[in-house]
Amino acid sequence: LVGNFVGWGSGDGVAGVAAQGAEPGQGAEAGREMRFAGGDSCVGGLARSGSVRFECGETDELLWVTEPGACTYRAAMRSPAACSVALLGHRLADLRKATRAAGHEFNPSLEGRALLGETEEEAP
């Protein structure tokens, strides 16, 4: 066990994560870090610890895992769960534009229309 969840951090402890695949304009979405401590005993009796940095992305994806020091682990993941509502609305608007440009019908869910700022009456 790497450890038990101890809280959220800014991501300061994971050097280089923002440079590894973060999209421009992600702002705060690029820096959520889940921290763990008090894990299983490791070399010399040290308790394992680690952190996972989350970035906004279209699918759940493990980007990398490393062990920067004895019994200390770092990882980075992408997930739609890490996206802000504003960013999701922007991506949905881009999808609508591309879908219509390709000559296809765009029918987002009620939740999608809400992200776009549309009411049921405004939907095509």
Protein backbone atom coordinates (compact mmCIF):
# COMPACT_ATOMS: atom_id res chain seq x y z
CA LEU A 1 0.00 0.00 0.00
CA VAL A 2 1.45 3.38 -1.03
CA GLY A 3 -0.41 5.11 1.77
CA ASN A 4 -3.70 6.50 2.97
CA PHE A 5 -5.25 9.59 1.48
CA VAL A 6 -4.13 12.64 3.48
CA GLY A 7 -5.41 15.49 1.32
CA TRP A 8 -5.18 17.54 -1.82
CA GLY A 9 -2.17 19.63 -2.77
CA SER A 10 -1.24 22.15 -5.42
CA GLY A 11 1.12 19.82 -7.21
CA ASP A 12 4.29 21.62 -6.14
CA GLY A 13 5.89 18.32 -5.17
CA VAL A 14 5.67 16.80 -8.64
CA ALA A 15 8.31 18.55 -10.71
CA GLY A 16 7.76 18.59 -14.43
CA VAL A 17 4.14 17.44 -14.52
CA ALA A 18 2.73 20.60 -16.06
CA ALA A 19 5.33 20.39 -18.82
CA GLN A 20 4.37 16.80 -19.59
CA GLY A 21 1.27 17.09 -21.72
CA ALA A 22 -0.65 19.90 -20.06
CA GLU A 23 -2.65 21.81 -22.61
CA PRO A 24 -2.40 25.59 -22.80
CA GLY A 25 -5.32 27.31 -21.14
CA GLN A 26 -5.97 24.59 -18.59
CA GLY A 27 -5.17 26.92 -15.70
CA ALA A 28 -6.12 25.45 -12.35
CA GLU A 29 -7.22 22.16 -13.95
CA ALA A 30 -3.57 21.29 -14.53
CA GLY A 31 -2.58 21.23 -10.86
CA ARG A 32 -4.68 18.97 -8.65
CA GLU A 33 -2.59 16.52 -6.66
CA MET A 34 -3.89 13.76 -4.40
CA ARG A 35 -1.45 12.94 -1.57
CA PHE A 36 -0.92 9.69 0.33
CA ALA A 37 1.18 8.91 3.44
CA GLY A 38 1.66 6.21 6.08
CA GLY A 39 1.87 3.32 3.63
CA ASP A 40 3.43 -0.12 4.01
CA SER A 41 6.88 -0.42 5.51
CA CYS A 42 9.68 -0.08 3.00
CA VAL A 43 13.50 -0.10 2.96
CA GLY A 44 14.91 0.71 6.39
CA GLY A 45 11.45 0.85 7.96
CA LEU A 46 10.34 3.94 6.01
CA ALA A 47 6.61 4.26 5.38
CA ARG A 48 5.67 4.46 1.71
CA SER A 49 4.12 7.73 0.47
CA GLY A 50 3.12 9.19 -2.84
CA SER A 51 1.08 11.58 -4.87
CA VAL A 52 -1.01 11.49 -8.03
CA ARG A 53 -1.31 14.61 -10.18
CA PHE A 54 -4.56 14.93 -12.16
CA GLU A 55 -4.88 16.81 -15.45
CA CYS A 56 -7.94 17.43 -17.56
CA GLY A 57 -8.26 15.00 -20.47
CA GLU A 58 -10.86 13.29 -22.64
CA THR A 59 -10.19 9.78 -21.27
CA ASP A 60 -8.78 8.23 -18.11
CA GLU A 61 -5.09 7.68 -18.78
CA LEU A 62 -2.08 6.95 -16.60
CA LEU A 63 0.71 9.18 -17.97
CA TRP A 64 3.65 8.06 -15.86
CA VAL A 65 4.80 6.68 -12.52
CA THR A 66 8.21 7.26 -10.93
CA GLU A 67 10.05 6.67 -7.66
CA PRO A 68 12.04 9.88 -7.09
CA GLY A 69 13.29 8.70 -3.70
CA ALA A 70 13.26 5.63 -1.51
CA CYS A 71 9.66 4.58 -0.83
CA THR A 72 8.25 7.78 -2.39
CA TYR A 73 6.15 7.49 -5.53
CA ARG A 74 4.80 10.07 -7.99
CA ALA A 75 2.28 9.57 -10.78
CA ALA A 76 0.33 11.67 -13.27
CA MET A 77 -3.09 10.91 -14.75
CA ARG A 78 -5.50 12.50 -17.18
CA SER A 79 -9.23 12.25 -16.65
CA PRO A 80 -12.44 14.08 -17.58
CA ALA A 81 -13.11 14.21 -13.83
CA ALA A 82 -10.25 16.71 -13.50
CA CYS A 83 -11.79 19.19 -15.95
CA SER A 84 -13.52 22.37 -14.83
CA VAL A 85 -17.08 23.03 -15.92
CA ALA A 86 -15.87 26.01 -17.97
CA LEU A 87 -13.32 23.87 -19.82
CA LEU A 88 -15.88 21.13 -20.46
CA GLY A 89 -18.26 23.73 -21.91
CA HIS A 90 -15.48 25.05 -24.16
CA ARG A 91 -14.62 21.56 -25.40
CA LEU A 92 -18.29 20.79 -26.00
CA ALA A 93 -18.62 24.00 -28.04
CA ASP A 94 -15.59 22.93 -30.12
CA LEU A 95 -17.17 19.51 -30.65
CA ARG A 96 -20.45 21.12 -31.75
CA LYS A 97 -18.59 23.32 -34.25
CA ALA A 98 -16.57 20.41 -35.69
CA THR A 99 -19.60 18.12 -35.87
CA ARG A 100 -21.67 20.69 -37.74
CA ALA A 101 -18.74 21.55 -40.05
CA ALA A 102 -18.60 17.86 -40.99
CA GLY A 103 -22.29 18.02 -41.92
CA HIS A 104 -23.55 15.96 -39.00
CA GLU A 105 -26.31 16.68 -36.52
CA PHE A 106 -25.22 17.73 -33.03
CA ASN A 107 -27.57 16.64 -30.24
CA PRO A 108 -26.01 17.11 -26.81
CA SER A 109 -27.67 15.80 -23.66
CA LEU A 110 -29.55 18.15 -21.33
CA GLU A 111 -26.36 18.35 -19.25
CA GLY A 112 -24.35 19.22 -22.37
CA ARG A 113 -26.80 21.95 -23.32
CA ALA A 114 -26.50 23.36 -19.81
CA LEU A 115 -22.69 23.47 -20.21
CA LEU A 116 -23.21 25.39 -23.45
CA GLY A 117 -25.53 27.82 -21.69
CA GLU A 118 -28.53 26.73 -23.75
CA THR A 119 -32.07 26.13 -22.54
CA GLU A 120 -34.34 23.43 -23.92
CA GLU A 121 -36.09 26.03 -26.08
CA GLU A 122 -32.79 27.13 -27.68
CA ALA A 123 -31.71 23.61 -28.63
CA PRO A 124 -31.88 22.91 -32.36
